[in-house]
Amino acid sequence: MANPIISRAELAVSTTPMTVKGVIRKTSFLLGLTTLSGVGFFGYCLTSGVTSGFVSVAALASILVAFVLSMVIISKPHIAKTLAIPYAILEGIVIGAISLFASIKFPTVAPTALVATFVTAAVMLALYRSGVIKVTQKFRSVMMSAVIAIMLVYLVQIGFTLFGSSLPYLFSGGVVGIGFSLLVIVIASLSLLLDFDSVERAYAAGVDESYEWVLSVGILSTLVWMYIEFVRLLRSLQN
């Protein structure tokens, strides 16, 4: 899949193979943790009167630590079960912070983005199951290149943020920013197709059940990515 968490994982055949239901259960569990973490952080920030600087630092730190955890999961998939819970909690802090900043000026952005994320995920699952969009090797390679390119842009933006700046146009709203958000949402949505395909291929290969956690973390990261981009797009449109 285009999601690096899954695409580089070496799948190992086992006498106790994974199941699709196992991936669904673990993905639901991690989504629940992320939601609780996000709501908890959102509520804490609202009631405790913390500064916007604290929220920004917490979000940035969570992004960086979650990124490190994802790299460890890629290189050592057998410990994904141990790292999945802290990864989900950190992702929750990120979406909680982003939702808080969005809700200060536009209260409807966060719930709208949440609905848009799950509706898009349902549509992509339907398209995948119906075979309308085929996941070929060429499609997989193109998507992988696109995701890596976007991740590099994000890393550069984080670097700019550390110095109190931002990449021009792409993250400042306007026509170019809206166009970039739309492009990223399309790529993130198509990444879900590759997530689904990875689950089916892993199941068909009879890989070890521990990889259910790897696959679930990958799907979670794609959904969180979609949500963040929907928030960004809706904020730009509101502005």
C-alpha atoms as a PDB file:
ATOM      1  CA  MET A   1       0.000   0.000   0.000  1.00  0.00           C
ATOM      2  CA  ALA A   2       1.019   3.625  -0.214  1.00  0.00           C
ATOM      3  CA  ASN A   3       1.026   3.868   3.552  1.00  0.00           C
ATOM      4  CA  PRO A   4       4.690   3.279   4.503  1.00  0.00           C
ATOM      5  CA  ILE A   5       3.690   1.636   7.785  1.00  0.00           C
ATOM      6  CA  ILE A   6       2.340  -1.316   5.830  1.00  0.00           C
ATOM      7  CA  SER A   7       4.156  -1.221   2.517  1.00  0.00           C
ATOM      8  CA  ARG A   8       7.616  -1.901   3.957  1.00  0.00           C
ATOM      9  CA  ALA A   9       6.571  -4.472   6.524  1.00  0.00           C
ATOM     10  CA  GLU A  10       8.020  -7.914   5.827  1.00  0.00           C
ATOM     11  CA  LEU A  11       5.137 -10.356   6.077  1.00  0.00           C
ATOM     12  CA  ALA A  12       5.929 -13.662   7.754  1.00  0.00           C
ATOM     13  CA  VAL A  13       3.837 -16.790   7.238  1.00  0.00           C
ATOM     14  CA  SER A  14       2.726 -18.385  10.495  1.00  0.00           C
ATOM     15  CA  THR A  15       0.824 -21.349  11.868  1.00  0.00           C
ATOM     16  CA  THR A  16      -1.472 -18.782  13.519  1.00  0.00           C
ATOM     17  CA  PRO A  17      -2.488 -16.612  10.547  1.00  0.00           C
ATOM     18  CA  MET A  18      -4.172 -13.235  10.724  1.00  0.00           C
ATOM     19  CA  THR A  19      -7.832 -12.702   9.874  1.00  0.00           C
ATOM     20  CA  VAL A  20      -9.708  -9.810   8.296  1.00  0.00           C
ATOM     21  CA  LYS A  21     -12.012  -9.703  11.331  1.00  0.00           C
ATOM     22  CA  GLY A  22      -8.954  -9.395  13.555  1.00  0.00           C
ATOM     23  CA  VAL A  23      -7.793  -6.344  11.594  1.00  0.00           C
ATOM     24  CA  ILE A  24     -11.280  -4.817  11.841  1.00  0.00           C
ATOM     25  CA  ARG A  25     -11.407  -5.352  15.611  1.00  0.00           C
ATOM     26  CA  LYS A  26      -7.955  -3.907  16.191  1.00  0.00           C
ATOM     27  CA  THR A  27      -8.597  -0.949  13.894  1.00  0.00           C
ATOM     28  CA  SER A  28     -11.831  -0.204  15.753  1.00  0.00           C
ATOM     29  CA  PHE A  29     -10.011  -0.446  19.074  1.00  0.00           C
ATOM     30  CA  LEU A  30      -7.270   1.944  17.964  1.00  0.00           C
ATOM     31  CA  LEU A  31      -9.821   4.351  16.497  1.00  0.00           C
ATOM     32  CA  GLY A  32     -11.627   4.333  19.832  1.00  0.00           C
ATOM     33  CA  LEU A  33      -8.381   5.116  21.669  1.00  0.00           C
ATOM     34  CA  THR A  34      -7.577   7.922  19.260  1.00  0.00           C
ATOM     35  CA  THR A  35     -11.062   9.372  19.675  1.00  0.00           C
ATOM     36  CA  LEU A  36     -10.881   9.235  23.482  1.00  0.00           C
ATOM     37  CA  SER A  37      -7.426  10.778  23.466  1.00  0.00           C
ATOM     38  CA  GLY A  38      -8.530  13.524  21.088  1.00  0.00           C
ATOM     39  CA  VAL A  39     -11.682  14.360  23.020  1.00  0.00           C
ATOM     40  CA  GLY A  40      -9.781  14.244  26.309  1.00  0.00           C
ATOM     41  CA  PHE A  41      -7.038  16.570  25.102  1.00  0.00           C
ATOM     42  CA  PHE A  42      -9.612  18.885  23.510  1.00  0.00           C
ATOM     43  CA  GLY A  43     -11.592  19.073  26.753  1.00  0.00           C
ATOM     44  CA  TYR A  44      -8.500  19.508  28.906  1.00  0.00           C
ATOM     45  CA  CYS A  45      -7.295  22.443  26.825  1.00  0.00           C
ATOM     46  CA  LEU A  46     -10.709  24.109  26.942  1.00  0.00           C
ATOM     47  CA  THR A  47     -11.192  23.768  30.688  1.00  0.00           C
ATOM     48  CA  SER A  48      -7.652  24.347  31.946  1.00  0.00           C
ATOM     49  CA  GLY A  49      -7.003  27.562  30.076  1.00  0.00           C
ATOM     50  CA  VAL A  50      -3.702  26.474  28.549  1.00  0.00           C
ATOM     51  CA  THR A  51      -2.048  28.737  26.020  1.00  0.00           C
ATOM     52  CA  SER A  52      -2.114  28.199  22.275  1.00  0.00           C
ATOM     53  CA  GLY A  53       1.657  27.784  22.456  1.00  0.00           C
ATOM     54  CA  PHE A  54       1.274  24.784  24.765  1.00  0.00           C
ATOM     55  CA  VAL A  55      -1.260  23.200  22.408  1.00  0.00           C
ATOM     56  CA  SER A  56       1.023  23.770  19.413  1.00  0.00           C
ATOM     57  CA  VAL A  57       4.048  22.286  21.173  1.00  0.00           C
ATOM     58  CA  ALA A  58       2.017  19.271  22.352  1.00  0.00           C
ATOM     59  CA  ALA A  59       0.732  18.664  18.830  1.00  0.00           C
ATOM     60  CA  LEU A  60       4.155  19.037  17.223  1.00  0.00           C
ATOM     61  CA  ALA A  61       5.805  16.784  19.813  1.00  0.00           C
ATOM     62  CA  SER A  62       3.079  14.169  19.311  1.00  0.00           C
ATOM     63  CA  ILE A  63       3.547  14.273  15.546  1.00  0.00           C
ATOM     64  CA  LEU A  64       7.305  13.772  15.844  1.00  0.00           C
ATOM     65  CA  VAL A  65       7.063  10.961  18.414  1.00  0.00           C
ATOM     66  CA  ALA A  66       4.297   9.241  16.422  1.00  0.00           C
ATOM     67  CA  PHE A  67       6.498   9.475  13.335  1.00  0.00           C
ATOM     68  CA  VAL A  68       9.362   7.810  15.209  1.00  0.00           C
ATOM     69  CA  LEU A  69       7.025   5.061  16.432  1.00  0.00           C
ATOM     70  CA  SER A  70       5.808   4.468  12.878  1.00  0.00           C
ATOM     71  CA  MET A  71       9.408   4.090  11.700  1.00  0.00           C
ATOM     72  CA  VAL A  72      10.031   1.528  14.448  1.00  0.00           C
ATOM     73  CA  ILE A  73       6.869  -0.341  13.438  1.00  0.00           C
ATOM     74  CA  ILE A  74       8.124  -0.395   9.843  1.00  0.00           C
ATOM     75  CA  SER A  75      11.510  -1.804  10.814  1.00  0.00           C
ATOM     76  CA  LYS A  76      10.295  -4.091  13.623  1.00  0.00           C
ATOM     77  CA  PRO A  77       6.713  -5.175  12.824  1.00  0.00           C
ATOM     78  CA  HIS A  78       6.743  -7.856  15.529  1.00  0.00           C
ATOM     79  CA  ILE A  79       6.505  -5.166  18.247  1.00  0.00           C
ATOM     80  CA  ALA A  80       3.629  -3.301  16.589  1.00  0.00           C
ATOM     81  CA  LYS A  81       1.273  -4.628  19.272  1.00  0.00           C
ATOM     82  CA  THR A  82       3.324  -2.864  21.948  1.00  0.00           C
ATOM     83  CA  LEU A  83       3.600   0.423  20.069  1.00  0.00           C
ATOM     84  CA  ALA A  84       0.072   0.581  18.629  1.00  0.00           C
ATOM     85  CA  ILE A  85      -1.574   1.957  21.802  1.00  0.00           C
ATOM     86  CA  PRO A  86       0.844   4.872  22.405  1.00  0.00           C
ATOM     87  CA  TYR A  87       0.729   5.600  18.669  1.00  0.00           C
ATOM     88  CA  ALA A  88      -3.081   5.837  18.747  1.00  0.00           C
ATOM     89  CA  ILE A  89      -2.996   8.087  21.843  1.00  0.00           C
ATOM     90  CA  LEU A  90      -0.486  10.425  20.210  1.00  0.00           C
ATOM     91  CA  GLU A  91      -2.599  10.606  17.073  1.00  0.00           C
ATOM     92  CA  GLY A  92      -5.523  11.552  19.290  1.00  0.00           C
ATOM     93  CA  ILE A  93      -3.558  14.450  20.783  1.00  0.00           C
ATOM     94  CA  VAL A  94      -2.766  15.674  17.272  1.00  0.00           C
ATOM     95  CA  ILE A  95      -6.381  15.637  16.079  1.00  0.00           C
ATOM     96  CA  GLY A  96      -7.535  17.099  19.401  1.00  0.00           C
ATOM     97  CA  ALA A  97      -5.174  20.058  18.982  1.00  0.00           C
ATOM     98  CA  ILE A  98      -6.091  20.587  15.346  1.00  0.00           C
ATOM     99  CA  SER A  99      -9.801  20.352  16.139  1.00  0.00           C
ATOM    100  CA  LEU A 100      -9.378  22.883  18.944  1.00  0.00           C
ATOM    101  CA  PHE A 101      -7.682  25.448  16.732  1.00  0.00           C
ATOM    102  CA  ALA A 102     -10.305  24.942  14.029  1.00  0.00           C
ATOM    103  CA  SER A 103     -13.243  25.174  16.444  1.00  0.00           C
ATOM    104  CA  ILE A 104     -12.144  28.478  17.972  1.00  0.00           C
ATOM    105  CA  LYS A 105     -13.122  30.335  14.816  1.00  0.00           C
ATOM    106  CA  PHE A 106     -15.274  27.784  12.974  1.00  0.00           C
ATOM    107  CA  PRO A 107     -17.181  25.483  15.388  1.00  0.00           C
ATOM    108  CA  THR A 108     -18.655  23.319  12.615  1.00  0.00           C
ATOM    109  CA  VAL A 109     -15.368  22.451  10.908  1.00  0.00           C
ATOM    110  CA  ALA A 110     -14.298  19.563  13.173  1.00  0.00           C
ATOM    111  CA  PRO A 111     -17.594  17.595  13.131  1.00  0.00           C
ATOM    112  CA  THR A 112     -17.983  18.193   9.396  1.00  0.00           C
ATOM    113  CA  ALA A 113     -14.458  16.929   8.767  1.00  0.00           C
ATOM    114  CA  LEU A 114     -15.157  13.854  10.894  1.00  0.00           C
ATOM    115  CA  VAL A 115     -18.284  13.009   8.919  1.00  0.00           C
ATOM    116  CA  ALA A 116     -16.482  13.658   5.632  1.00  0.00           C
ATOM    117  CA  THR A 117     -13.655  11.314   6.661  1.00  0.00           C
ATOM    118  CA  PHE A 118     -15.887   8.353   7.465  1.00  0.00           C
ATOM    119  CA  VAL A 119     -18.164   8.923   4.464  1.00  0.00           C
ATOM    120  CA  THR A 120     -15.129   9.010   2.186  1.00  0.00           C
ATOM    121  CA  ALA A 121     -13.750   5.849   3.818  1.00  0.00           C
ATOM    122  CA  ALA A 122     -17.097   4.078   3.269  1.00  0.00           C
ATOM    123  CA  VAL A 123     -17.179   5.169  -0.373  1.00  0.00           C
ATOM    124  CA  MET A 124     -13.618   3.977  -0.980  1.00  0.00           C
ATOM    125  CA  LEU A 125     -14.410   0.616   0.629  1.00  0.00           C
ATOM    126  CA  ALA A 126     -17.458   0.258  -1.641  1.00  0.00           C
ATOM    127  CA  LEU A 127     -15.372   1.155  -4.702  1.00  0.00           C
ATOM    128  CA  TYR A 128     -12.739  -1.383  -3.700  1.00  0.00           C
ATOM    129  CA  ARG A 129     -15.193  -4.182  -2.990  1.00  0.00           C
ATOM    130  CA  SER A 130     -17.060  -3.563  -6.258  1.00  0.00           C
ATOM    131  CA  GLY A 131     -13.844  -3.599  -8.284  1.00  0.00           C
ATOM    132  CA  VAL A 132     -14.509  -0.195  -9.824  1.00  0.00           C
ATOM    133  CA  ILE A 133     -10.921   0.796  -9.030  1.00  0.00           C
ATOM    134  CA  LYS A 134      -8.327  -1.928  -9.496  1.00  0.00           C
ATOM    135  CA  VAL A 135      -5.234  -1.915  -7.303  1.00  0.00           C
ATOM    136  CA  THR A 136      -2.451  -2.788  -9.734  1.00  0.00           C
ATOM    137  CA  GLN A 137       1.286  -2.749  -9.191  1.00  0.00           C
ATOM    138  CA  LYS A 138       1.589   0.415 -11.273  1.00  0.00           C
ATOM    139  CA  PHE A 139      -1.135   2.082  -9.231  1.00  0.00           C
ATOM    140  CA  ARG A 140       0.649   1.035  -6.057  1.00  0.00           C
ATOM    141  CA  SER A 141       4.000   2.448  -7.248  1.00  0.00           C
ATOM    142  CA  VAL A 142       2.493   5.777  -8.305  1.00  0.00           C
ATOM    143  CA  MET A 143       0.673   6.135  -4.997  1.00  0.00           C
ATOM    144  CA  MET A 144       3.787   5.315  -3.010  1.00  0.00           C
ATOM    145  CA  SER A 145       5.716   8.023  -4.846  1.00  0.00           C
ATOM    146  CA  ALA A 146       2.927  10.543  -4.279  1.00  0.00           C
ATOM    147  CA  VAL A 147       2.688   9.792  -0.550  1.00  0.00           C
ATOM    148  CA  ILE A 148       6.447  10.049  -0.051  1.00  0.00           C
ATOM    149  CA  ALA A 149       6.483  13.386  -1.897  1.00  0.00           C
ATOM    150  CA  ILE A 150       3.702  14.755   0.325  1.00  0.00           C
ATOM    151  CA  MET A 151       5.414  13.483   3.471  1.00  0.00           C
ATOM    152  CA  LEU A 152       8.569  15.354   2.439  1.00  0.00           C
ATOM    153  CA  VAL A 153       6.511  18.536   2.000  1.00  0.00           C
ATOM    154  CA  TYR A 154       5.072  18.013   5.498  1.00  0.00           C
ATOM    155  CA  LEU A 155       8.531  17.555   6.990  1.00  0.00           C
ATOM    156  CA  VAL A 156       9.730  20.766   5.337  1.00  0.00           C
ATOM    157  CA  GLN A 157       6.642  22.559   6.683  1.00  0.00           C
ATOM    158  CA  ILE A 158       7.402  21.292  10.199  1.00  0.00           C
ATOM    159  CA  GLY A 159      10.907  22.679   9.815  1.00  0.00           C
ATOM    160  CA  PHE A 160       9.498  26.062   8.792  1.00  0.00           C
ATOM    161  CA  THR A 161       7.072  25.938  11.734  1.00  0.00           C
ATOM    162  CA  LEU A 162       9.913  25.494  14.206  1.00  0.00           C
ATOM    163  CA  PHE A 163      11.220  28.875  13.064  1.00  0.00           C
ATOM    164  CA  GLY A 164       7.821  30.557  13.181  1.00  0.00           C
ATOM    165  CA  SER A 165       7.302  30.512   9.431  1.00  0.00           C
ATOM    166  CA  SER A 166       5.427  28.481   6.812  1.00  0.00           C
ATOM    167  CA  LEU A 167       5.789  27.270   3.254  1.00  0.00           C
ATOM    168  CA  PRO A 168       4.393  29.979   0.979  1.00  0.00           C
ATOM    169  CA  TYR A 169       0.955  29.393  -0.578  1.00  0.00           C
ATOM    170  CA  LEU A 170       0.570  25.673   0.238  1.00  0.00           C
ATOM    171  CA  PHE A 171      -0.359  26.100   3.911  1.00  0.00           C
ATOM    172  CA  SER A 172      -1.693  29.652   3.953  1.00  0.00           C
ATOM    173  CA  GLY A 173      -5.127  29.182   2.392  1.00  0.00           C
ATOM    174  CA  GLY A 174      -6.067  30.837  -0.871  1.00  0.00           C
ATOM    175  CA  VAL A 175      -6.600  29.122  -4.200  1.00  0.00           C
ATOM    176  CA  VAL A 176      -3.240  27.335  -4.182  1.00  0.00           C
ATOM    177  CA  GLY A 177      -3.708  26.116  -0.605  1.00  0.00           C
ATOM    178  CA  ILE A 178      -7.220  24.846  -1.327  1.00  0.00           C
ATOM    179  CA  GLY A 179      -6.004  23.088  -4.464  1.00  0.00           C
ATOM    180  CA  PHE A 180      -3.181  21.432  -2.518  1.00  0.00           C
ATOM    181  CA  SER A 181      -5.607  20.275   0.197  1.00  0.00           C
ATOM    182  CA  LEU A 182      -7.925  18.769  -2.421  1.00  0.00           C
ATOM    183  CA  LEU A 183      -5.002  16.951  -4.048  1.00  0.00           C
ATOM    184  CA  VAL A 184      -3.833  15.547  -0.714  1.00  0.00           C
ATOM    185  CA  ILE A 185      -7.373  14.409   0.197  1.00  0.00           C
ATOM    186  CA  VAL A 186      -7.641  12.543  -3.117  1.00  0.00           C
ATOM    187  CA  ILE A 187      -4.289  10.840  -2.540  1.00  0.00           C
ATOM    188  CA  ALA A 188      -5.187   9.984   1.066  1.00  0.00           C
ATOM    189  CA  SER A 189      -8.520   8.536  -0.095  1.00  0.00           C
ATOM    190  CA  LEU A 190      -6.834   6.402  -2.730  1.00  0.00           C
ATOM    191  CA  SER A 191      -4.357   5.254  -0.097  1.00  0.00           C
ATOM    192  CA  LEU A 192      -7.255   3.592   1.691  1.00  0.00           C
ATOM    193  CA  LEU A 193      -7.751   1.375  -1.361  1.00  0.00           C
ATOM    194  CA  LEU A 194      -4.179   0.199  -0.968  1.00  0.00           C
ATOM    195  CA  ASP A 195      -4.747  -0.350   2.747  1.00  0.00           C
ATOM    196  CA  PHE A 196      -7.704  -2.606   1.969  1.00  0.00           C
ATOM    197  CA  ASP A 197      -5.717  -4.443  -0.687  1.00  0.00           C
ATOM    198  CA  SER A 198      -2.823  -4.976   1.723  1.00  0.00           C
ATOM    199  CA  VAL A 199      -5.181  -6.579   4.235  1.00  0.00           C
ATOM    200  CA  GLU A 200      -6.532  -8.979   1.607  1.00  0.00           C
ATOM    201  CA  ARG A 201      -3.080  -9.868   0.308  1.00  0.00           C
ATOM    202  CA  ALA A 202      -1.730 -10.455   3.814  1.00  0.00           C
ATOM    203  CA  TYR A 203      -4.727 -12.647   4.645  1.00  0.00           C
ATOM    204  CA  ALA A 204      -4.315 -14.648   1.423  1.00  0.00           C
ATOM    205  CA  ALA A 205      -0.620 -15.157   2.195  1.00  0.00           C
ATOM    206  CA  GLY A 206      -1.430 -16.479   5.673  1.00  0.00           C
ATOM    207  CA  VAL A 207       0.831 -14.050   7.510  1.00  0.00           C
ATOM    208  CA  ASP A 208       1.192 -14.103  11.279  1.00  0.00           C
ATOM    209  CA  GLU A 209      -1.665 -12.663  13.335  1.00  0.00           C
ATOM    210  CA  SER A 210       0.706 -10.124  14.914  1.00  0.00           C
ATOM    211  CA  TYR A 211       0.535  -8.259  11.601  1.00  0.00           C
ATOM    212  CA  GLU A 212      -3.077  -7.403  12.345  1.00  0.00           C
ATOM    213  CA  TRP A 213      -1.631  -4.614  14.505  1.00  0.00           C
ATOM    214  CA  VAL A 214       0.646  -3.403  11.702  1.00  0.00           C
ATOM    215  CA  LEU A 215      -2.240  -3.267   9.254  1.00  0.00           C
ATOM    216  CA  SER A 216      -4.524  -1.583  11.796  1.00  0.00           C
ATOM    217  CA  VAL A 217      -1.959   1.103  12.606  1.00  0.00           C
ATOM    218  CA  GLY A 218      -1.575   1.763   8.888  1.00  0.00           C
ATOM    219  CA  ILE A 219      -5.318   2.194   8.373  1.00  0.00           C
ATOM    220  CA  LEU A 220      -5.546   4.434  11.437  1.00  0.00           C
ATOM    221  CA  SER A 221      -2.763   6.686  10.159  1.00  0.00           C
ATOM    222  CA  THR A 222      -4.528   7.067   6.805  1.00  0.00           C
ATOM    223  CA  LEU A 223      -7.847   7.985   8.453  1.00  0.00           C
ATOM    224  CA  VAL A 224      -6.170  10.533  10.734  1.00  0.00           C
ATOM    225  CA  TRP A 225      -4.359  11.967   7.722  1.00  0.00           C
ATOM    226  CA  MET A 226      -7.661  12.328   5.861  1.00  0.00           C
ATOM    227  CA  TYR A 227      -9.316  14.016   8.843  1.00  0.00           C
ATOM    228  CA  ILE A 228      -6.510  16.553   9.227  1.00  0.00           C
ATOM    229  CA  GLU A 229      -6.647  17.430   5.543  1.00  0.00           C
ATOM    230  CA  PHE A 230     -10.431  17.787   5.616  1.00  0.00           C
ATOM    231  CA  VAL A 231     -10.074  20.194   8.559  1.00  0.00           C
ATOM    232  CA  ARG A 232      -7.472  22.182   6.644  1.00  0.00           C
ATOM    233  CA  LEU A 233      -9.637  22.297   3.528  1.00  0.00           C
ATOM    234  CA  LEU A 234     -12.772  23.352   5.381  1.00  0.00           C
ATOM    235  CA  ARG A 235     -10.911  26.075   7.275  1.00  0.00           C
ATOM    236  CA  SER A 236      -9.527  27.429   4.001  1.00  0.00           C
ATOM    237  CA  LEU A 237     -12.976  27.416   2.428  1.00  0.00           C
ATOM    238  CA  GLN A 238     -14.461  29.184   5.462  1.00  0.00           C
ATOM    239  CA  ASN A 239     -11.785  31.836   5.307  1.00  0.00           C
END
